Amino acid sequence: MDIDMPSVNRVDEIRDKLKTLEGQRIKIRANMGRSRIVEGTGTLVQVHPSLFVVEIEERRGRKNRQSYQYVDVLTGGVEVFDADTGERLFDYVAEE
């Protein structure tokens, strides 16, 4: 990643990459605060201008829709992985 790239361009880059993955299975790992980590595998169903929606598969065939913001992916609060290989799709490291 180019370190000098403005954050807005990175958010656009995340949105564009997720747009190409629409309809495919991904794995999400989200830090919900207070040491609570939520993980799930599901289908990327919608990509909107400021957020994306994942339909998470739960027990007994139930499904749950969850939305996440691109900024959370940029800051590391939400991690997105390929469901088949487990490879991290976005690798942004917070600068100190």
PDB file of N, CA and C in Angstrom:
ATOM      1  N   MET A   1       0.831  -1.184   0.000  1.00  0.00           N
ATOM      2  CA  MET A   1       0.000   0.000   0.000  1.00  0.00           C
ATOM      3  C   MET A   1       0.875   1.247   0.000  1.00  0.00           C
ATOM      4  N   ASP A   2       0.405   2.233  -0.684  1.00  0.00           N
ATOM      5  CA  ASP A   2       1.107   3.504  -0.710  1.00  0.00           C
ATOM      6  C   ASP A   2       0.769   4.262   0.572  1.00  0.00           C
ATOM      7  N   ILE A   3       1.786   4.601   1.345  1.00  0.00           N
ATOM      8  CA  ILE A   3       1.587   5.251   2.640  1.00  0.00           C
ATOM      9  C   ILE A   3       0.993   6.646   2.479  1.00  0.00           C
ATOM     10  N   ASP A   4       1.315   7.335   1.385  1.00  0.00           N
ATOM     11  CA  ASP A   4       0.852   8.702   1.191  1.00  0.00           C
ATOM     12  C   ASP A   4      -0.567   8.795   0.630  1.00  0.00           C
ATOM     13  N   MET A   5      -1.218   7.656   0.383  1.00  0.00           N
ATOM     14  CA  MET A   5      -2.570   7.679  -0.180  1.00  0.00           C
ATOM     15  C   MET A   5      -3.561   8.205   0.856  1.00  0.00           C
ATOM     16  N   PRO A   6      -4.361   9.208   0.505  1.00  0.00           N
ATOM     17  CA  PRO A   6      -5.361   9.719   1.448  1.00  0.00           C
ATOM     18  C   PRO A   6      -6.381   8.641   1.825  1.00  0.00           C
ATOM     19  N   SER A   7      -6.917   8.735   3.037  1.00  0.00           N
ATOM     20  CA  SER A   7      -7.867   7.757   3.546  1.00  0.00           C
ATOM     21  C   SER A   7      -9.091   7.615   2.661  1.00  0.00           C
ATOM     22  N   VAL A   8      -9.554   8.718   2.086  1.00  0.00           N
ATOM     23  CA  VAL A   8     -10.748   8.680   1.240  1.00  0.00           C
ATOM     24  C   VAL A   8     -10.509   7.753   0.052  1.00  0.00           C
ATOM     25  N   ASN A   9      -9.331   7.836  -0.550  1.00  0.00           N
ATOM     26  CA  ASN A   9      -9.017   6.972  -1.682  1.00  0.00           C
ATOM     27  C   ASN A   9      -8.961   5.513  -1.254  1.00  0.00           C
ATOM     28  N   ARG A  10      -8.488   5.254  -0.048  1.00  0.00           N
ATOM     29  CA  ARG A  10      -8.440   3.882   0.449  1.00  0.00           C
ATOM     30  C   ARG A  10      -9.837   3.338   0.683  1.00  0.00           C
ATOM     31  N   VAL A  11     -10.741   4.165   1.169  1.00  0.00           N
ATOM     32  CA  VAL A  11     -12.130   3.735   1.357  1.00  0.00           C
ATOM     33  C   VAL A  11     -12.745   3.399   0.002  1.00  0.00           C
ATOM     34  N   ASP A  12     -12.484   4.216  -1.000  1.00  0.00           N
ATOM     35  CA  ASP A  12     -12.970   3.932  -2.354  1.00  0.00           C
ATOM     36  C   ASP A  12     -12.386   2.623  -2.875  1.00  0.00           C
ATOM     37  N   GLU A  13     -11.125   2.387  -2.576  1.00  0.00           N
ATOM     38  CA  GLU A  13     -10.452   1.158  -2.996  1.00  0.00           C
ATOM     39  C   GLU A  13     -11.104  -0.068  -2.335  1.00  0.00           C
ATOM     40  N   ILE A  14     -11.426   0.042  -1.051  1.00  0.00           N
ATOM     41  CA  ILE A  14     -12.089  -1.054  -0.328  1.00  0.00           C
ATOM     42  C   ILE A  14     -13.460  -1.311  -0.946  1.00  0.00           C
ATOM     43  N   ARG A  15     -14.223  -0.251  -1.177  1.00  0.00           N
ATOM     44  CA  ARG A  15     -15.566  -0.390  -1.759  1.00  0.00           C
ATOM     45  C   ARG A  15     -15.494  -1.041  -3.138  1.00  0.00           C
ATOM     46  N   ASP A  16     -14.545  -0.608  -3.960  1.00  0.00           N
ATOM     47  CA  ASP A  16     -14.423  -1.158  -5.310  1.00  0.00           C
ATOM     48  C   ASP A  16     -14.069  -2.642  -5.282  1.00  0.00           C
ATOM     49  N   LYS A  17     -13.176  -3.023  -4.383  1.00  0.00           N
ATOM     50  CA  LYS A  17     -12.790  -4.440  -4.297  1.00  0.00           C
ATOM     51  C   LYS A  17     -13.961  -5.280  -3.794  1.00  0.00           C
ATOM     52  N   LEU A  18     -14.695  -4.773  -2.800  1.00  0.00           N
ATOM     53  CA  LEU A  18     -15.846  -5.517  -2.298  1.00  0.00           C
ATOM     54  C   LEU A  18     -16.944  -5.610  -3.350  1.00  0.00           C
ATOM     55  N   LYS A  19     -17.069  -4.591  -4.191  1.00  0.00           N
ATOM     56  CA  LYS A  19     -18.068  -4.619  -5.267  1.00  0.00           C
ATOM     57  C   LYS A  19     -17.794  -5.792  -6.206  1.00  0.00           C
ATOM     58  N   THR A  20     -16.524  -6.093  -6.450  1.00  0.00           N
ATOM     59  CA  THR A  20     -16.179  -7.228  -7.316  1.00  0.00           C
ATOM     60  C   THR A  20     -16.476  -8.560  -6.632  1.00  0.00           C
ATOM     61  N   LEU A  21     -16.555  -8.566  -5.301  1.00  0.00           N
ATOM     62  CA  LEU A  21     -16.813  -9.798  -4.546  1.00  0.00           C
ATOM     63  C   LEU A  21     -18.290  -9.994  -4.215  1.00  0.00           C
ATOM     64  N   GLU A  22     -19.149  -9.081  -4.654  1.00  0.00           N
ATOM     65  CA  GLU A  22     -20.576  -9.164  -4.346  1.00  0.00           C
ATOM     66  C   GLU A  22     -21.143 -10.502  -4.817  1.00  0.00           C
ATOM     67  N   GLY A  23     -21.879 -11.183  -3.917  1.00  0.00           N
ATOM     68  CA  GLY A  23     -22.454 -12.487  -4.217  1.00  0.00           C
ATOM     69  C   GLY A  23     -21.557 -13.652  -3.844  1.00  0.00           C
ATOM     70  N   GLN A  24     -20.334 -13.364  -3.408  1.00  0.00           N
ATOM     71  CA  GLN A  24     -19.395 -14.423  -3.037  1.00  0.00           C
ATOM     72  C   GLN A  24     -19.332 -14.595  -1.521  1.00  0.00           C
ATOM     73  N   ARG A  25     -18.824 -15.753  -1.099  1.00  0.00           N
ATOM     74  CA  ARG A  25     -18.697 -16.045   0.328  1.00  0.00           C
ATOM     75  C   ARG A  25     -17.427 -15.414   0.892  1.00  0.00           C
ATOM     76  N   ILE A  26     -17.578 -14.760   2.048  1.00  0.00           N
ATOM     77  CA  ILE A  26     -16.445 -14.178   2.752  1.00  0.00           C
ATOM     78  C   ILE A  26     -16.568 -14.501   4.237  1.00  0.00           C
ATOM     79  N   LYS A  27     -15.481 -14.312   4.934  1.00  0.00           N
ATOM     80  CA  LYS A  27     -15.471 -14.489   6.383  1.00  0.00           C
ATOM     81  C   LYS A  27     -15.202 -13.126   7.006  1.00  0.00           C
ATOM     82  N   ILE A  28     -15.947 -12.797   8.058  1.00  0.00           N
ATOM     83  CA  ILE A  28     -15.830 -11.501   8.736  1.00  0.00           C
ATOM     84  C   ILE A  28     -15.395 -11.728  10.173  1.00  0.00           C
ATOM     85  N   ARG A  29     -14.497 -10.878  10.641  1.00  0.00           N
ATOM     86  CA  ARG A  29     -14.101 -10.863  12.048  1.00  0.00           C
ATOM     87  C   ARG A  29     -14.191  -9.409  12.503  1.00  0.00           C
ATOM     88  N   ALA A  30     -15.129  -9.132  13.416  1.00  0.00           N
ATOM     89  CA  ALA A  30     -15.389  -7.753  13.832  1.00  0.00           C
ATOM     90  C   ALA A  30     -15.138  -7.587  15.320  1.00  0.00           C
ATOM     91  N   ASN A  31     -14.426  -6.529  15.666  1.00  0.00           N
ATOM     92  CA  ASN A  31     -14.191  -6.175  17.061  1.00  0.00           C
ATOM     93  C   ASN A  31     -15.344  -5.275  17.489  1.00  0.00           C
ATOM     94  N   MET A  32     -16.199  -5.798  18.380  1.00  0.00           N
ATOM     95  CA  MET A  32     -17.390  -5.071  18.801  1.00  0.00           C
ATOM     96  C   MET A  32     -17.160  -4.273  20.086  1.00  0.00           C
ATOM     97  N   GLY A  33     -15.933  -4.234  20.570  1.00  0.00           N
ATOM     98  CA  GLY A  33     -15.622  -3.485  21.780  1.00  0.00           C
ATOM     99  C   GLY A  33     -15.749  -4.349  23.028  1.00  0.00           C
ATOM    100  N   ARG A  34     -15.150  -3.871  24.101  1.00  0.00           N
ATOM    101  CA  ARG A  34     -15.183  -4.586  25.386  1.00  0.00           C
ATOM    102  C   ARG A  34     -14.774  -6.042  25.248  1.00  0.00           C
ATOM    103  N   SER A  35     -13.712  -6.285  24.494  1.00  0.00           N
ATOM    104  CA  SER A  35     -13.141  -7.621  24.298  1.00  0.00           C
ATOM    105  C   SER A  35     -14.116  -8.598  23.650  1.00  0.00           C
ATOM    106  N   ARG A  36     -15.066  -8.100  22.898  1.00  0.00           N
ATOM    107  CA  ARG A  36     -16.036  -8.952  22.225  1.00  0.00           C
ATOM    108  C   ARG A  36     -15.713  -9.004  20.730  1.00  0.00           C
ATOM    109  N   ILE A  37     -15.338 -10.182  20.270  1.00  0.00           N
ATOM    110  CA  ILE A  37     -15.013 -10.403  18.870  1.00  0.00           C
ATOM    111  C   ILE A  37     -16.099 -11.284  18.263  1.00  0.00           C
ATOM    112  N   VAL A  38     -16.654 -10.858  17.130  1.00  0.00           N
ATOM    113  CA  VAL A  38     -17.693 -11.619  16.437  1.00  0.00           C
ATOM    114  C   VAL A  38     -17.106 -12.117  15.127  1.00  0.00           C
ATOM    115  N   GLU A  39     -17.241 -13.427  14.884  1.00  0.00           N
ATOM    116  CA  GLU A  39     -16.772 -14.010  13.636  1.00  0.00           C
ATOM    117  C   GLU A  39     -17.921 -14.714  12.947  1.00  0.00           C
ATOM    118  N   GLY A  40     -17.914 -14.682  11.633  1.00  0.00           N
ATOM    119  CA  GLY A  40     -18.954 -15.374  10.881  1.00  0.00           C
ATOM    120  C   GLY A  40     -18.572 -15.509   9.427  1.00  0.00           C
ATOM    121  N   THR A  41     -19.173 -16.489   8.777  1.00  0.00           N
ATOM    122  CA  THR A  41     -18.967 -16.705   7.350  1.00  0.00           C
ATOM    123  C   THR A  41     -20.308 -16.545   6.664  1.00  0.00           C
ATOM    124  N   GLY A  42     -20.302 -15.843   5.550  1.00  0.00           N
ATOM    125  CA  GLY A  42     -21.550 -15.628   4.839  1.00  0.00           C
ATOM    126  C   GLY A  42     -21.320 -15.072   3.451  1.00  0.00           C
ATOM    127  N   THR A  43     -22.383 -14.579   2.876  1.00  0.00           N
ATOM    128  CA  THR A  43     -22.362 -14.064   1.514  1.00  0.00           C
ATOM    129  C   THR A  43     -22.437 -12.545   1.530  1.00  0.00           C
ATOM    130  N   LEU A  44     -21.572 -11.914   0.762  1.00  0.00           N
ATOM    131  CA  LEU A  44     -21.614 -10.464   0.599  1.00  0.00           C
ATOM    132  C   LEU A  44     -22.791 -10.154  -0.320  1.00  0.00           C
ATOM    133  N   VAL A  45     -23.877  -9.609   0.241  1.00  0.00           N
ATOM    134  CA  VAL A  45     -25.102  -9.454  -0.541  1.00  0.00           C
ATOM    135  C   VAL A  45     -25.283  -8.067  -1.157  1.00  0.00           C
ATOM    136  N   GLN A  46     -24.802  -7.016  -0.482  1.00  0.00           N
ATOM    137  CA  GLN A  46     -24.990  -5.664  -1.018  1.00  0.00           C
ATOM    138  C   GLN A  46     -23.785  -4.797  -0.695  1.00  0.00           C
ATOM    139  N   VAL A  47     -23.461  -3.927  -1.648  1.00  0.00           N
ATOM    140  CA  VAL A  47     -22.394  -2.946  -1.454  1.00  0.00           C
ATOM    141  C   VAL A  47     -23.005  -1.573  -1.695  1.00  0.00           C
ATOM    142  N   HIS A  48     -23.053  -0.760  -0.663  1.00  0.00           N
ATOM    143  CA  HIS A  48     -23.631   0.586  -0.727  1.00  0.00           C
ATOM    144  C   HIS A  48     -22.509   1.623  -0.673  1.00  0.00           C
ATOM    145  N   PRO A  49     -22.807   2.903  -0.885  1.00  0.00           N
ATOM    146  CA  PRO A  49     -21.765   3.933  -0.868  1.00  0.00           C
ATOM    147  C   PRO A  49     -20.982   4.031   0.440  1.00  0.00           C
ATOM    148  N   SER A  50     -21.601   3.774   1.588  1.00  0.00           N
ATOM    149  CA  SER A  50     -20.869   3.937   2.846  1.00  0.00           C
ATOM    150  C   SER A  50     -20.794   2.666   3.687  1.00  0.00           C
ATOM    151  N   LEU A  51     -21.470   1.598   3.267  1.00  0.00           N
ATOM    152  CA  LEU A  51     -21.415   0.349   4.029  1.00  0.00           C
ATOM    153  C   LEU A  51     -21.674  -0.838   3.127  1.00  0.00           C
ATOM    154  N   PHE A  52     -21.371  -2.042   3.661  1.00  0.00           N
ATOM    155  CA  PHE A  52     -21.656  -3.268   2.924  1.00  0.00           C
ATOM    156  C   PHE A  52     -22.405  -4.228   3.841  1.00  0.00           C
ATOM    157  N   VAL A  53     -23.212  -5.107   3.237  1.00  0.00           N
ATOM    158  CA  VAL A  53     -24.077  -6.010   3.983  1.00  0.00           C
ATOM    159  C   VAL A  53     -23.658  -7.453   3.716  1.00  0.00           C
ATOM    160  N   VAL A  54     -23.520  -8.214   4.816  1.00  0.00           N
ATOM    161  CA  VAL A  54     -23.145  -9.620   4.732  1.00  0.00           C
ATOM    162  C   VAL A  54     -24.266 -10.440   5.358  1.00  0.00           C
ATOM    163  N   GLU A  55     -24.702 -11.482   4.660  1.00  0.00           N
ATOM    164  CA  GLU A  55     -25.705 -12.399   5.193  1.00  0.00           C
ATOM    165  C   GLU A  55     -24.957 -13.571   5.825  1.00  0.00           C
ATOM    166  N   ILE A  56     -24.922 -13.581   7.160  1.00  0.00           N
ATOM    167  CA  ILE A  56     -24.169 -14.561   7.926  1.00  0.00           C
ATOM    168  C   ILE A  56     -25.002 -15.821   8.126  1.00  0.00           C
ATOM    169  N   GLU A  57     -24.384 -16.966   7.917  1.00  0.00           N
ATOM    170  CA  GLU A  57     -25.057 -18.245   8.120  1.00  0.00           C
ATOM    171  C   GLU A  57     -24.918 -18.648   9.583  1.00  0.00           C
ATOM    172  N   GLU A  58     -26.036 -18.941  10.212  1.00  0.00           N
ATOM    173  CA  GLU A  58     -26.041 -19.347  11.604  1.00  0.00           C
ATOM    174  C   GLU A  58     -26.490 -20.800  11.714  1.00  0.00           C
ATOM    175  N   ARG A  59     -26.656 -21.266  12.941  1.00  0.00           N
ATOM    176  CA  ARG A  59     -27.084 -22.642  13.178  1.00  0.00           C
ATOM    177  C   ARG A  59     -28.475 -22.899  12.621  1.00  0.00           C
ATOM    178  N   ARG A  60     -28.707 -24.160  12.292  1.00  0.00           N
ATOM    179  CA  ARG A  60     -30.021 -24.651  11.842  1.00  0.00           C
ATOM    180  C   ARG A  60     -30.550 -23.922  10.612  1.00  0.00           C
ATOM    181  N   GLY A  61     -29.655 -23.480   9.753  1.00  0.00           N
ATOM    182  CA  GLY A  61     -30.065 -22.858   8.496  1.00  0.00           C
ATOM    183  C   GLY A  61     -30.556 -21.431   8.587  1.00  0.00           C
ATOM    184  N   ARG A  62     -30.501 -20.840   9.764  1.00  0.00           N
ATOM    185  CA  ARG A  62     -30.933 -19.445   9.897  1.00  0.00           C
ATOM    186  C   ARG A  62     -29.876 -18.512   9.326  1.00  0.00           C
ATOM    187  N   LYS A  63     -30.317 -17.340   8.912  1.00  0.00           N
ATOM    188  CA  LYS A  63     -29.386 -16.340   8.369  1.00  0.00           C
ATOM    189  C   LYS A  63     -29.615 -15.016   9.068  1.00  0.00           C
ATOM    190  N   ASN A  64     -28.544 -14.267   9.210  1.00  0.00           N
ATOM    191  CA  ASN A  64     -28.584 -12.979   9.889  1.00  0.00           C
ATOM    192  C   ASN A  64     -27.847 -11.972   9.012  1.00  0.00           C
ATOM    193  N   ARG A  65     -28.450 -10.832   8.758  1.00  0.00           N
ATOM    194  CA  ARG A  65     -27.785  -9.797   7.959  1.00  0.00           C
ATOM    195  C   ARG A  65     -27.093  -8.803   8.877  1.00  0.00           C
ATOM    196  N   GLN A  66     -25.844  -8.525   8.566  1.00  0.00           N
ATOM    197  CA  GLN A  66     -25.069  -7.559   9.329  1.00  0.00           C
ATOM    198  C   GLN A  66     -24.424  -6.580   8.364  1.00  0.00           C
ATOM    199  N   SER A  67     -24.369  -5.320   8.782  1.00  0.00           N
ATOM    200  CA  SER A  67     -23.748  -4.309   7.930  1.00  0.00           C
ATOM    201  C   SER A  67     -22.495  -3.772   8.614  1.00  0.00           C
ATOM    202  N   TYR A  68     -21.524  -3.418   7.802  1.00  0.00           N
ATOM    203  CA  TYR A  68     -20.249  -2.894   8.282  1.00  0.00           C
ATOM    204  C   TYR A  68     -19.860  -1.704   7.421  1.00  0.00           C
ATOM    205  N   GLN A  69     -19.106  -0.786   7.998  1.00  0.00           N
ATOM    206  CA  GLN A  69     -18.648   0.382   7.264  1.00  0.00           C
ATOM    207  C   GLN A  69     -17.244   0.131   6.714  1.00  0.00           C
ATOM    208  N   TYR A  70     -16.949   0.756   5.590  1.00  0.00           N
ATOM    209  CA  TYR A  70     -15.629   0.617   4.971  1.00  0.00           C
ATOM    210  C   TYR A  70     -14.548   1.212   5.865  1.00  0.00           C
ATOM    211  N   VAL A  71     -14.883   2.248   6.607  1.00  0.00           N
ATOM    212  CA  VAL A  71     -13.921   2.882   7.505  1.00  0.00           C
ATOM    213  C   VAL A  71     -13.459   1.894   8.582  1.00  0.00           C
ATOM    214  N   ASP A  72     -14.377   1.018   9.033  1.00  0.00           N
ATOM    215  CA  ASP A  72     -14.009   0.010  10.022  1.00  0.00           C
ATOM    216  C   ASP A  72     -13.011  -0.990   9.451  1.00  0.00           C
ATOM    217  N   VAL A  73     -13.119  -1.295   8.172  1.00  0.00           N
ATOM    218  CA  VAL A  73     -12.142  -2.166   7.514  1.00  0.00           C
ATOM    219  C   VAL A  73     -10.798  -1.446   7.447  1.00  0.00           C
ATOM    220  N   LEU A  74     -10.830  -0.163   7.119  1.00  0.00           N
ATOM    221  CA  LEU A  74      -9.606   0.637   7.015  1.00  0.00           C
ATOM    222  C   LEU A  74      -8.878   0.738   8.349  1.00  0.00           C
ATOM    223  N   THR A  75      -9.629   0.907   9.437  1.00  0.00           N
ATOM    224  CA  THR A  75      -9.012   1.071  10.757  1.00  0.00           C
ATOM    225  C   THR A  75      -8.692  -0.254  11.439  1.00  0.00           C
ATOM    226  N   GLY A  76      -9.141  -1.369  10.876  1.00  0.00           N
ATOM    227  CA  GLY A  76      -8.824  -2.673  11.457  1.00  0.00           C
ATOM    228  C   GLY A  76      -9.879  -3.194  12.413  1.00  0.00           C
ATOM    229  N   GLY A  77     -10.969  -2.474  12.606  1.00  0.00           N
ATOM    230  CA  GLY A  77     -12.040  -2.940  13.477  1.00  0.00           C
ATOM    231  C   GLY A  77     -12.803  -4.107  12.879  1.00  0.00           C
ATOM    232  N   VAL A  78     -12.802  -4.182  11.561  1.00  0.00           N
ATOM    233  CA  VAL A  78     -13.436  -5.283  10.842  1.00  0.00           C
ATOM    234  C   VAL A  78     -12.406  -5.863   9.880  1.00  0.00           C
ATOM    235  N   GLU A  79     -12.238  -7.172   9.949  1.00  0.00           N
ATOM    236  CA  GLU A  79     -11.316  -7.858   9.047  1.00  0.00           C
ATOM    237  C   GLU A  79     -12.128  -8.719   8.096  1.00  0.00           C
ATOM    238  N   VAL A  80     -11.734  -8.730   6.828  1.00  0.00           N
ATOM    239  CA  VAL A  80     -12.438  -9.496   5.802  1.00  0.00           C
ATOM    240  C   VAL A  80     -11.475 -10.530   5.238  1.00  0.00           C
ATOM    241  N   PHE A  81     -11.932 -11.788   5.186  1.00  0.00           N
ATOM    242  CA  PHE A  81     -11.111 -12.895   4.712  1.00  0.00           C
ATOM    243  C   PHE A  81     -11.830 -13.624   3.584  1.00  0.00           C
ATOM    244  N   ASP A  82     -11.048 -14.295   2.737  1.00  0.00           N
ATOM    245  CA  ASP A  82     -11.607 -15.196   1.739  1.00  0.00           C
ATOM    246  C   ASP A  82     -12.132 -16.420   2.487  1.00  0.00           C
ATOM    247  N   ALA A  83     -13.373 -16.824   2.230  1.00  0.00           N
ATOM    248  CA  ALA A  83     -13.983 -17.934   2.968  1.00  0.00           C
ATOM    249  C   ALA A  83     -13.308 -19.268   2.674  1.00  0.00           C
ATOM    250  N   ASP A  84     -12.763 -19.429   1.476  1.00  0.00           N
ATOM    251  CA  ASP A  84     -12.160 -20.713   1.101  1.00  0.00           C
ATOM    252  C   ASP A  84     -10.721 -20.849   1.566  1.00  0.00           C
ATOM    253  N   THR A  85      -9.915 -19.818   1.339  1.00  0.00           N
ATOM    254  CA  THR A  85      -8.488 -19.917   1.653  1.00  0.00           C
ATOM    255  C   THR A  85      -8.137 -19.349   3.027  1.00  0.00           C
ATOM    256  N   GLY A  86      -9.003 -18.494   3.577  1.00  0.00           N
ATOM    257  CA  GLY A  86      -8.700 -17.855   4.855  1.00  0.00           C
ATOM    258  C   GLY A  86      -7.756 -16.678   4.713  1.00  0.00           C
ATOM    259  N   GLU A  87      -7.445 -16.305   3.470  1.00  0.00           N
ATOM    260  CA  GLU A  87      -6.525 -15.194   3.207  1.00  0.00           C
ATOM    261  C   GLU A  87      -7.198 -13.865   3.509  1.00  0.00           C
ATOM    262  N   ARG A  88      -6.461 -12.997   4.202  1.00  0.00           N
ATOM    263  CA  ARG A  88      -6.967 -11.659   4.525  1.00  0.00           C
ATOM    264  C   ARG A  88      -7.035 -10.835   3.239  1.00  0.00           C
ATOM    265  N   LEU A  89      -8.184 -10.198   2.980  1.00  0.00           N
ATOM    266  CA  LEU A  89      -8.378  -9.462   1.734  1.00  0.00           C
ATOM    267  C   LEU A  89      -7.854  -8.046   1.785  1.00  0.00           C
ATOM    268  N   PHE A  90      -7.843  -7.433   2.968  1.00  0.00           N
ATOM    269  CA  PHE A  90      -7.356  -6.069   3.119  1.00  0.00           C
ATOM    270  C   PHE A  90      -6.334  -6.063   4.238  1.00  0.00           C
ATOM    271  N   ASP A  91      -5.195  -5.440   3.986  1.00  0.00           N
ATOM    272  CA  ASP A  91      -4.127  -5.416   4.991  1.00  0.00           C
ATOM    273  C   ASP A  91      -3.680  -3.984   5.224  1.00  0.00           C
ATOM    274  N   TYR A  92      -4.395  -3.317   6.118  1.00  0.00           N
ATOM    275  CA  TYR A  92      -4.031  -1.952   6.473  1.00  0.00           C
ATOM    276  C   TYR A  92      -3.462  -1.965   7.880  1.00  0.00           C
ATOM    277  N   VAL A  93      -2.301  -1.375   8.053  1.00  0.00           N
ATOM    278  CA  VAL A  93      -1.650  -1.338   9.345  1.00  0.00           C
ATOM    279  C   VAL A  93      -1.725   0.074   9.871  1.00  0.00           C
ATOM    280  N   ALA A  94      -2.209   0.205  11.098  1.00  0.00           N
ATOM    281  CA  ALA A  94      -2.307   1.525  11.712  1.00  0.00           C
ATOM    282  C   ALA A  94      -0.916   2.086  11.944  1.00  0.00           C
ATOM    283  N   GLU A  95      -0.720   3.330  11.541  1.00  0.00           N
ATOM    284  CA  GLU A  95       0.576   3.978  11.739  1.00  0.00           C
ATOM    285  C   GLU A  95       0.673   4.510  13.153  1.00  0.00           C
ATOM    286  N   GLU A  96       1.846   4.366  13.732  1.00  0.00           N
ATOM    287  CA  GLU A  96       2.043   4.841  15.126  1.00  0.00           C
ATOM    288  C   GLU A  96       2.936   6.042  15.158  1.00  0.00           C
TER     289      GLU A  96
END
